[in-house]
C-alpha cells in the first residue's frame, strides 16, 4: 500500500481493503526504533492507536521520547500532527499503554520477520521469522509484484518491528501476517496463532492452576444419563 508521508526518519504507510485486512489503518514507522499501528477515524469515530512495538522508549514529563529528539505524534481531525516537545494528551497516553500490551502479545502470537531476501534463482520471497521458522513463496503470488523487475524485488526490507515487508523502489508493502495467510491459508494461520495464545502461561493462569491443584484438580463432569 502507498507511502503517504516521509518526515525525517519517520514513514507513514497506509493499509486498507481489499489488499489488507479491515479496518483502514496506517503504520507509523520510525526507522531504527519501531512502529505504531493507528486505526483511521471516521465521521463518527476518532483515530485510535491500536498497537505499538519498540517505538516508545519512555514517557517522561508527559512527552514521548525517541533516541534523537522528543516528539509528539497524534491524530487530529484525521491528520497526523508532529511537533517538537508536544505534550501527550491523557487519552493518547492510555492508548499507547494498551497498544504496547497488544504489541507484546502480537510478538508471541503472530508471525513477525527477522530477515527477508529475494531469491533470484528461484524467484522466491524468503522471510526468516523471529520464532526460527522460514516462509518461502513465489513472488508472482504477491499482489503488486507480478511485473516487478529483479532489481525491484531485490530492494526488499523489513520495518523495525518486523511487521511489514517493504519494497521502497516500487512503493509496495505487505504485512508479514498477510503474506503468511496468502501462503498458508487464513484458517491455518489463525489456528496456529490461537494455539500459541492458548498455551501462553500468564501469572493469572498459573495461580488458577495452583489453586485447582490444591483442591484436587478441576471438578469432574457428571456422566451423561
Foldseek 3Di string as FASTA:
>chain_A
DFFDDDDPQWTKDWDPPDLDDDDIWIWIFRAPFWIWIWRFADPVGHIATAATDRHAPDADPQWGDGPPFTWDWDDDPRDTDIDGPDGHDPVNVVRHVNRHVVHVLCLQQAWFFPWWFADPVVCWIWTQTPVRDIDIDHQCLRPPCVPPDPVQRGQWTAGPRRQWIARVVRRDIDGPRSVCCSRPNDVVSVVRSVVRSVPDCDPVNVVVQVVQVVVVHDDDDDDDD
